[in-house]
Each structure stands twice: as structure tokens, then as C-alpha cells.
Amino acid sequence: MQLLTEFFMWCTIINGTLLLLWTIMLILMPNIVYRVQSLWFPMSRETFNVVMYSFLGLFKIIFLVFNVVPYVALLIILNN
């Protein structure tokens, strides 16, 4: 149980960091991200915004369901 708890702790830290970096990049430098991505995947700015924020929302939900919730559940089990 302890090993599984540590596994989910590190998954939460790593994926949380990725989510935070992705969010910061989209807030602070959206034009640079758009220019880089449109070189590989030509699309309009409106389509880019919809795609990025949809994927960001999906990643956040997956992060919460598959990383944070199991980690918190294991912490509750271990502390009882």
C-alpha cells in the first residue's frame, strides 16, 4: 500500500506540474504557442483556442480522476 501511495503521489506531482506549465504557457504566451503549433498543424486561431482549451479541460479531468482521487483515497486508507 505504501508503494502504491508513493506511486500516485509522484504521478500527481508530475502530471500536476505538466498541467500547471501548460496553463501558464497558454496564459502568458498564447501567440508563441499558436505560431509553433500552426507550423505543424495549420488551423485558424479560433480552432486553435477551442482545441487547446478543450484538451486542457480534458487533461484536468483525467488528472483529477486518475491521479489525485486515488492518491487521496490511499492516504485516507493508510491513515485510518
PDB file of N, CA and C in Angstrom:
ATOM      1  N   MET A   1       0.827  -1.193   0.000  1.00  0.00           N
ATOM      2  CA  MET A   1       0.000   0.000   0.000  1.00  0.00           C
ATOM      3  C   MET A   1       0.874   1.261   0.000  1.00  0.00           C
ATOM      4  N   GLN A   2       1.973   1.201   0.748  1.00  0.00           N
ATOM      5  CA  GLN A   2       2.857   2.357   0.819  1.00  0.00           C
ATOM      6  C   GLN A   2       3.479   2.653  -0.558  1.00  0.00           C
ATOM      7  N   LEU A   3       3.891   1.610  -1.262  1.00  0.00           N
ATOM      8  CA  LEU A   3       4.479   1.781  -2.592  1.00  0.00           C
ATOM      9  C   LEU A   3       3.463   2.362  -3.568  1.00  0.00           C
ATOM     10  N   LEU A   4       2.243   1.890  -3.500  1.00  0.00           N
ATOM     11  CA  LEU A   4       1.178   2.402  -4.364  1.00  0.00           C
ATOM     12  C   LEU A   4       0.878   3.870  -4.047  1.00  0.00           C
ATOM     13  N   THR A   5       0.885   4.220  -2.777  1.00  0.00           N
ATOM     14  CA  THR A   5       0.671   5.609  -2.380  1.00  0.00           C
ATOM     15  C   THR A   5       1.778   6.509  -2.918  1.00  0.00           C
ATOM     16  N   GLU A   6       3.017   6.056  -2.825  1.00  0.00           N
ATOM     17  CA  GLU A   6       4.131   6.844  -3.357  1.00  0.00           C
ATOM     18  C   GLU A   6       4.037   6.970  -4.875  1.00  0.00           C
ATOM     19  N   PHE A   7       3.616   5.894  -5.540  1.00  0.00           N
ATOM     20  CA  PHE A   7       3.435   5.940  -6.988  1.00  0.00           C
ATOM     21  C   PHE A   7       2.432   7.017  -7.373  1.00  0.00           C
ATOM     22  N   PHE A   8       1.267   7.028  -6.730  1.00  0.00           N
ATOM     23  CA  PHE A   8       0.252   8.023  -7.056  1.00  0.00           C
ATOM     24  C   PHE A   8       0.670   9.422  -6.625  1.00  0.00           C
ATOM     25  N   MET A   9       1.480   9.539  -5.586  1.00  0.00           N
ATOM     26  CA  MET A   9       1.994  10.842  -5.182  1.00  0.00           C
ATOM     27  C   MET A   9       2.860  11.420  -6.304  1.00  0.00           C
ATOM     28  N   TRP A  10       3.774  10.614  -6.835  1.00  0.00           N
ATOM     29  CA  TRP A  10       4.657  11.083  -7.906  1.00  0.00           C
ATOM     30  C   TRP A  10       3.889  11.325  -9.196  1.00  0.00           C
ATOM     31  N   CYS A  11       2.897  10.490  -9.488  1.00  0.00           N
ATOM     32  CA  CYS A  11       2.055  10.735 -10.663  1.00  0.00           C
ATOM     33  C   CYS A  11       1.329  12.071 -10.530  1.00  0.00           C
ATOM     34  N   THR A  12       0.826  12.357  -9.342  1.00  0.00           N
ATOM     35  CA  THR A  12       0.129  13.611  -9.093  1.00  0.00           C
ATOM     36  C   THR A  12       1.078  14.798  -9.235  1.00  0.00           C
ATOM     37  N   ILE A  13       2.279  14.682  -8.699  1.00  0.00           N
ATOM     38  CA  ILE A  13       3.251  15.779  -8.796  1.00  0.00           C
ATOM     39  C   ILE A  13       3.655  16.019 -10.250  1.00  0.00           C
ATOM     40  N   ILE A  14       3.990  14.962 -10.965  1.00  0.00           N
ATOM     41  CA  ILE A  14       4.453  15.107 -12.348  1.00  0.00           C
ATOM     42  C   ILE A  14       3.338  15.632 -13.250  1.00  0.00           C
ATOM     43  N   ASN A  15       2.169  15.015 -13.193  1.00  0.00           N
ATOM     44  CA  ASN A  15       1.074  15.453 -14.054  1.00  0.00           C
ATOM     45  C   ASN A  15       0.538  16.821 -13.638  1.00  0.00           C
ATOM     46  N   GLY A  16       0.549  17.124 -12.353  1.00  0.00           N
ATOM     47  CA  GLY A  16       0.145  18.452 -11.895  1.00  0.00           C
ATOM     48  C   GLY A  16       1.086  19.524 -12.400  1.00  0.00           C
ATOM     49  N   THR A  17       2.379  19.217 -12.425  1.00  0.00           N
ATOM     50  CA  THR A  17       3.369  20.152 -12.963  1.00  0.00           C
ATOM     51  C   THR A  17       3.149  20.380 -14.453  1.00  0.00           C
ATOM     52  N   LEU A  18       2.892  19.304 -15.198  1.00  0.00           N
ATOM     53  CA  LEU A  18       2.600  19.445 -16.628  1.00  0.00           C
ATOM     54  C   LEU A  18       1.353  20.295 -16.866  1.00  0.00           C
ATOM     55  N   LEU A  19       0.315  20.062 -16.085  1.00  0.00           N
ATOM     56  CA  LEU A  19      -0.918  20.834 -16.210  1.00  0.00           C
ATOM     57  C   LEU A  19      -0.662  22.309 -15.904  1.00  0.00           C
ATOM     58  N   LEU A  20       0.102  22.568 -14.867  1.00  0.00           N
ATOM     59  CA  LEU A  20       0.420  23.940 -14.488  1.00  0.00           C
ATOM     60  C   LEU A  20       1.254  24.640 -15.570  1.00  0.00           C
ATOM     61  N   LEU A  21       2.273  23.952 -16.094  1.00  0.00           N
ATOM     62  CA  LEU A  21       3.106  24.541 -17.148  1.00  0.00           C
ATOM     63  C   LEU A  21       2.297  24.826 -18.416  1.00  0.00           C
ATOM     64  N   TRP A  22       1.454  23.901 -18.789  1.00  0.00           N
ATOM     65  CA  TRP A  22       0.620  24.062 -19.973  1.00  0.00           C
ATOM     66  C   TRP A  22      -0.304  25.273 -19.799  1.00  0.00           C
ATOM     67  N   THR A  23      -0.913  25.393 -18.623  1.00  0.00           N
ATOM     68  CA  THR A  23      -1.806  26.515 -18.348  1.00  0.00           C
ATOM     69  C   THR A  23      -1.046  27.837 -18.377  1.00  0.00           C
ATOM     70  N   ILE A  24       0.119  27.871 -17.747  1.00  0.00           N
ATOM     71  CA  ILE A  24       0.921  29.098 -17.715  1.00  0.00           C
ATOM     72  C   ILE A  24       1.343  29.500 -19.123  1.00  0.00           C
ATOM     73  N   MET A  25       1.755  28.519 -19.928  1.00  0.00           N
ATOM     74  CA  MET A  25       2.148  28.830 -21.303  1.00  0.00           C
ATOM     75  C   MET A  25       0.993  29.411 -22.108  1.00  0.00           C
ATOM     76  N   LEU A  26      -0.202  28.871 -21.932  1.00  0.00           N
ATOM     77  CA  LEU A  26      -1.348  29.383 -22.675  1.00  0.00           C
ATOM     78  C   LEU A  26      -1.794  30.751 -22.183  1.00  0.00           C
ATOM     79  N   ILE A  27      -1.531  31.057 -20.916  1.00  0.00           N
ATOM     80  CA  ILE A  27      -1.912  32.368 -20.381  1.00  0.00           C
ATOM     81  C   ILE A  27      -0.878  33.429 -20.744  1.00  0.00           C
ATOM     82  N   LEU A  28       0.404  33.104 -20.574  1.00  0.00           N
ATOM     83  CA  LEU A  28       1.455  34.107 -20.737  1.00  0.00           C
ATOM     84  C   LEU A  28       1.929  34.304 -22.177  1.00  0.00           C
ATOM     85  N   MET A  29       1.910  33.241 -22.971  1.00  0.00           N
ATOM     86  CA  MET A  29       2.409  33.378 -24.342  1.00  0.00           C
ATOM     87  C   MET A  29       1.566  32.602 -25.350  1.00  0.00           C
ATOM     88  N   PRO A  30       0.299  32.963 -25.475  1.00  0.00           N
ATOM     89  CA  PRO A  30      -0.558  32.219 -26.408  1.00  0.00           C
ATOM     90  C   PRO A  30      -0.162  32.394 -27.865  1.00  0.00           C
ATOM     91  N   ASN A  31       0.367  33.548 -28.229  1.00  0.00           N
ATOM     92  CA  ASN A  31       0.753  33.774 -29.634  1.00  0.00           C
ATOM     93  C   ASN A  31       1.924  32.896 -30.048  1.00  0.00           C
ATOM     94  N   ILE A  32       2.898  32.733 -29.154  1.00  0.00           N
ATOM     95  CA  ILE A  32       4.041  31.879 -29.460  1.00  0.00           C
ATOM     96  C   ILE A  32       3.601  30.427 -29.595  1.00  0.00           C
ATOM     97  N   VAL A  33       2.765  29.974 -28.677  1.00  0.00           N
ATOM     98  CA  VAL A  33       2.261  28.594 -28.745  1.00  0.00           C
ATOM     99  C   VAL A  33       1.484  28.385 -30.034  1.00  0.00           C
ATOM    100  N   TYR A  34       0.665  29.366 -30.403  1.00  0.00           N
ATOM    101  CA  TYR A  34      -0.111  29.251 -31.641  1.00  0.00           C
ATOM    102  C   TYR A  34       0.805  29.185 -32.861  1.00  0.00           C
ATOM    103  N   ARG A  35       1.803  30.054 -32.922  1.00  0.00           N
ATOM    104  CA  ARG A  35       2.710  30.056 -34.074  1.00  0.00           C
ATOM    105  C   ARG A  35       3.455  28.734 -34.205  1.00  0.00           C
ATOM    106  N   VAL A  36       3.937  28.191 -33.089  1.00  0.00           N
ATOM    107  CA  VAL A  36       4.667  26.924 -33.134  1.00  0.00           C
ATOM    108  C   VAL A  36       3.737  25.791 -33.564  1.00  0.00           C
ATOM    109  N   GLN A  37       2.563  25.717 -32.976  1.00  0.00           N
ATOM    110  CA  GLN A  37       1.644  24.632 -33.297  1.00  0.00           C
ATOM    111  C   GLN A  37       1.095  24.744 -34.713  1.00  0.00           C
ATOM    112  N   SER A  38       0.890  25.967 -35.193  1.00  0.00           N
ATOM    113  CA  SER A  38       0.335  26.110 -36.544  1.00  0.00           C
ATOM    114  C   SER A  38       1.357  25.752 -37.628  1.00  0.00           C
ATOM    115  N   LEU A  39       2.634  25.672 -37.275  1.00  0.00           N
ATOM    116  CA  LEU A  39       3.617  25.172 -38.242  1.00  0.00           C
ATOM    117  C   LEU A  39       3.394  23.689 -38.524  1.00  0.00           C
ATOM    118  N   TRP A  40       3.009  22.946 -37.493  1.00  0.00           N
ATOM    119  CA  TRP A  40       2.797  21.504 -37.633  1.00  0.00           C
ATOM    120  C   TRP A  40       1.371  21.171 -38.040  1.00  0.00           C
ATOM    121  N   PHE A  41       0.427  21.915 -37.486  1.00  0.00           N
ATOM    122  CA  PHE A  41      -0.990  21.655 -37.727  1.00  0.00           C
ATOM    123  C   PHE A  41      -1.661  22.960 -38.144  1.00  0.00           C
ATOM    124  N   PRO A  42      -1.721  23.249 -39.442  1.00  0.00           N
ATOM    125  CA  PRO A  42      -2.334  24.511 -39.884  1.00  0.00           C
ATOM    126  C   PRO A  42      -3.807  24.572 -39.488  1.00  0.00           C
ATOM    127  N   MET A  43      -4.165  25.635 -38.772  1.00  0.00           N
ATOM    128  CA  MET A  43      -5.548  25.829 -38.339  1.00  0.00           C
ATOM    129  C   MET A  43      -5.755  27.300 -38.012  1.00  0.00           C
ATOM    130  N   SER A  44      -7.005  27.701 -37.971  1.00  0.00           N
ATOM    131  CA  SER A  44      -7.312  29.085 -37.630  1.00  0.00           C
ATOM    132  C   SER A  44      -7.090  29.319 -36.133  1.00  0.00           C
ATOM    133  N   ARG A  45      -6.994  30.571 -35.766  1.00  0.00           N
ATOM    134  CA  ARG A  45      -6.775  30.912 -34.349  1.00  0.00           C
ATOM    135  C   ARG A  45      -7.964  30.482 -33.489  1.00  0.00           C
ATOM    136  N   GLU A  46      -9.159  30.615 -34.014  1.00  0.00           N
ATOM    137  CA  GLU A  46     -10.361  30.222 -33.260  1.00  0.00           C
ATOM    138  C   GLU A  46     -10.372  28.716 -33.010  1.00  0.00           C
ATOM    139  N   THR A  47     -10.013  27.953 -34.037  1.00  0.00           N
ATOM    140  CA  THR A  47      -9.941  26.495 -33.887  1.00  0.00           C
ATOM    141  C   THR A  47      -8.862  26.120 -32.888  1.00  0.00           C
ATOM    142  N   PHE A  48      -7.730  26.794 -32.960  1.00  0.00           N
ATOM    143  CA  PHE A  48      -6.642  26.543 -32.015  1.00  0.00           C
ATOM    144  C   PHE A  48      -7.102  26.775 -30.580  1.00  0.00           C
ATOM    145  N   ASN A  49      -7.792  27.888 -30.343  1.00  0.00           N
ATOM    146  CA  ASN A  49      -8.263  28.183 -28.987  1.00  0.00           C
ATOM    147  C   ASN A  49      -9.211  27.106 -28.473  1.00  0.00           C
ATOM    148  N   VAL A  50     -10.137  26.680 -29.323  1.00  0.00           N
ATOM    149  CA  VAL A  50     -11.087  25.643 -28.919  1.00  0.00           C
ATOM    150  C   VAL A  50     -10.361  24.336 -28.612  1.00  0.00           C
ATOM    151  N   VAL A  51      -9.438  23.947 -29.481  1.00  0.00           N
ATOM    152  CA  VAL A  51      -8.701  22.696 -29.290  1.00  0.00           C
ATOM    153  C   VAL A  51      -7.858  22.742 -28.016  1.00  0.00           C
ATOM    154  N   MET A  52      -7.102  23.815 -27.824  1.00  0.00           N
ATOM    155  CA  MET A  52      -6.212  23.912 -26.658  1.00  0.00           C
ATOM    156  C   MET A  52      -6.994  23.892 -25.351  1.00  0.00           C
ATOM    157  N   TYR A  53      -8.058  24.690 -25.276  1.00  0.00           N
ATOM    158  CA  TYR A  53      -8.810  24.741 -24.030  1.00  0.00           C
ATOM    159  C   TYR A  53      -9.631  23.473 -23.801  1.00  0.00           C
ATOM    160  N   SER A  54     -10.043  22.810 -24.875  1.00  0.00           N
ATOM    161  CA  SER A  54     -10.731  21.522 -24.717  1.00  0.00           C
ATOM    162  C   SER A  54      -9.774  20.461 -24.182  1.00  0.00           C
ATOM    163  N   PHE A  55      -8.574  20.384 -24.777  1.00  0.00           N
ATOM    164  CA  PHE A  55      -7.590  19.423 -24.296  1.00  0.00           C
ATOM    165  C   PHE A  55      -7.143  19.750 -22.875  1.00  0.00           C
ATOM    166  N   LEU A  56      -7.016  21.023 -22.563  1.00  0.00           N
ATOM    167  CA  LEU A  56      -6.640  21.425 -21.214  1.00  0.00           C
ATOM    168  C   LEU A  56      -7.698  20.978 -20.203  1.00  0.00           C
ATOM    169  N   GLY A  57      -8.954  21.174 -20.545  1.00  0.00           N
ATOM    170  CA  GLY A  57     -10.039  20.733 -19.669  1.00  0.00           C
ATOM    171  C   GLY A  57     -10.082  19.222 -19.533  1.00  0.00           C
ATOM    172  N   LEU A  58      -9.891  18.514 -20.633  1.00  0.00           N
ATOM    173  CA  LEU A  58      -9.882  17.051 -20.596  1.00  0.00           C
ATOM    174  C   LEU A  58      -8.723  16.533 -19.756  1.00  0.00           C
ATOM    175  N   PHE A  59      -7.535  17.133 -19.931  1.00  0.00           N
ATOM    176  CA  PHE A  59      -6.373  16.722 -19.153  1.00  0.00           C
ATOM    177  C   PHE A  59      -6.605  16.960 -17.663  1.00  0.00           C
ATOM    178  N   LYS A  60      -7.256  18.076 -17.332  1.00  0.00           N
ATOM    179  CA  LYS A  60      -7.536  18.378 -15.930  1.00  0.00           C
ATOM    180  C   LYS A  60      -8.477  17.340 -15.315  1.00  0.00           C
ATOM    181  N   ILE A  61      -9.503  16.963 -16.051  1.00  0.00           N
ATOM    182  CA  ILE A  61     -10.434  15.956 -15.546  1.00  0.00           C
ATOM    183  C   ILE A  61      -9.735  14.606 -15.375  1.00  0.00           C
ATOM    184  N   ILE A  62      -8.953  14.202 -16.364  1.00  0.00           N
ATOM    185  CA  ILE A  62      -8.220  12.931 -16.282  1.00  0.00           C
ATOM    186  C   ILE A  62      -7.220  12.967 -15.133  1.00  0.00           C
ATOM    187  N   PHE A  63      -6.545  14.103 -14.959  1.00  0.00           N
ATOM    188  CA  PHE A  63      -5.594  14.275 -13.855  1.00  0.00           C
ATOM    189  C   PHE A  63      -6.279  14.098 -12.508  1.00  0.00           C
ATOM    190  N   LEU A  64      -7.422  14.726 -12.338  1.00  0.00           N
ATOM    191  CA  LEU A  64      -8.131  14.617 -11.064  1.00  0.00           C
ATOM    192  C   LEU A  64      -8.634  13.196 -10.809  1.00  0.00           C
ATOM    193  N   VAL A  65      -9.227  12.588 -11.828  1.00  0.00           N
ATOM    194  CA  VAL A  65      -9.841  11.261 -11.652  1.00  0.00           C
ATOM    195  C   VAL A  65      -8.802  10.162 -11.479  1.00  0.00           C
ATOM    196  N   PHE A  66      -7.725  10.204 -12.256  1.00  0.00           N
ATOM    197  CA  PHE A  66      -6.781   9.087 -12.256  1.00  0.00           C
ATOM    198  C   PHE A  66      -5.508   9.327 -11.454  1.00  0.00           C
ATOM    199  N   ASN A  67      -5.310  10.530 -10.922  1.00  0.00           N
ATOM    200  CA  ASN A  67      -4.119  10.807 -10.120  1.00  0.00           C
ATOM    201  C   ASN A  67      -4.470  11.272  -8.722  1.00  0.00           C
ATOM    202  N   VAL A  68      -5.214  12.354  -8.632  1.00  0.00           N
ATOM    203  CA  VAL A  68      -5.484  12.960  -7.329  1.00  0.00           C
ATOM    204  C   VAL A  68      -6.425  12.108  -6.490  1.00  0.00           C
ATOM    205  N   VAL A  69      -7.526  11.661  -7.074  1.00  0.00           N
ATOM    206  CA  VAL A  69      -8.508  10.888  -6.309  1.00  0.00           C
ATOM    207  C   VAL A  69      -7.921   9.579  -5.761  1.00  0.00           C
ATOM    208  N   PRO A  70      -7.205   8.770  -6.583  1.00  0.00           N
ATOM    209  CA  PRO A  70      -6.610   7.559  -5.999  1.00  0.00           C
ATOM    210  C   PRO A  70      -5.569   7.869  -4.922  1.00  0.00           C
ATOM    211  N   TYR A  71      -4.800   8.933  -5.104  1.00  0.00           N
ATOM    212  CA  TYR A  71      -3.802   9.305  -4.098  1.00  0.00           C
ATOM    213  C   TYR A  71      -4.471   9.691  -2.785  1.00  0.00           C
ATOM    214  N   VAL A  72      -5.502  10.499  -2.844  1.00  0.00           N
ATOM    215  CA  VAL A  72      -6.212  10.905  -1.631  1.00  0.00           C
ATOM    216  C   VAL A  72      -6.892   9.703  -0.984  1.00  0.00           C
ATOM    217  N   ALA A  73      -7.469   8.817  -1.786  1.00  0.00           N
ATOM    218  CA  ALA A  73      -8.125   7.621  -1.235  1.00  0.00           C
ATOM    219  C   ALA A  73      -7.100   6.738  -0.507  1.00  0.00           C
ATOM    220  N   LEU A  74      -5.932   6.571  -1.090  1.00  0.00           N
ATOM    221  CA  LEU A  74      -4.888   5.768  -0.429  1.00  0.00           C
ATOM    222  C   LEU A  74      -4.399   6.436   0.855  1.00  0.00           C
ATOM    223  N   LEU A  75      -4.302   7.764   0.849  1.00  0.00           N
ATOM    224  CA  LEU A  75      -3.910   8.461   2.080  1.00  0.00           C
ATOM    225  C   LEU A  75      -4.944   8.247   3.183  1.00  0.00           C
ATOM    226  N   ILE A  76      -6.216   8.290   2.809  1.00  0.00           N
ATOM    227  CA  ILE A  76      -7.284   8.068   3.792  1.00  0.00           C
ATOM    228  C   ILE A  76      -7.214   6.654   4.344  1.00  0.00           C
ATOM    229  N   ILE A  77      -7.003   5.672   3.462  1.00  0.00           N
ATOM    230  CA  ILE A  77      -6.915   4.271   3.907  1.00  0.00           C
ATOM    231  C   ILE A  77      -5.740   4.064   4.835  1.00  0.00           C
ATOM    232  N   LEU A  78      -4.567   4.638   4.485  1.00  0.00           N
ATOM    233  CA  LEU A  78      -3.368   4.437   5.293  1.00  0.00           C
ATOM    234  C   LEU A  78      -3.443   5.146   6.644  1.00  0.00           C
ATOM    235  N   ASN A  79      -4.180   6.225   6.721  1.00  0.00           N
ATOM    236  CA  ASN A  79      -4.252   6.969   7.978  1.00  0.00           C
ATOM    237  C   ASN A  79      -5.379   6.513   8.890  1.00  0.00           C
ATOM    238  N   ASN A  80      -6.136   5.533   8.493  1.00  0.00           N
ATOM    239  CA  ASN A  80      -7.206   5.004   9.374  1.00  0.00           C
ATOM    240  C   ASN A  80      -6.781   3.740  10.049  1.00  0.00           C
TER     241      ASN A  80
END
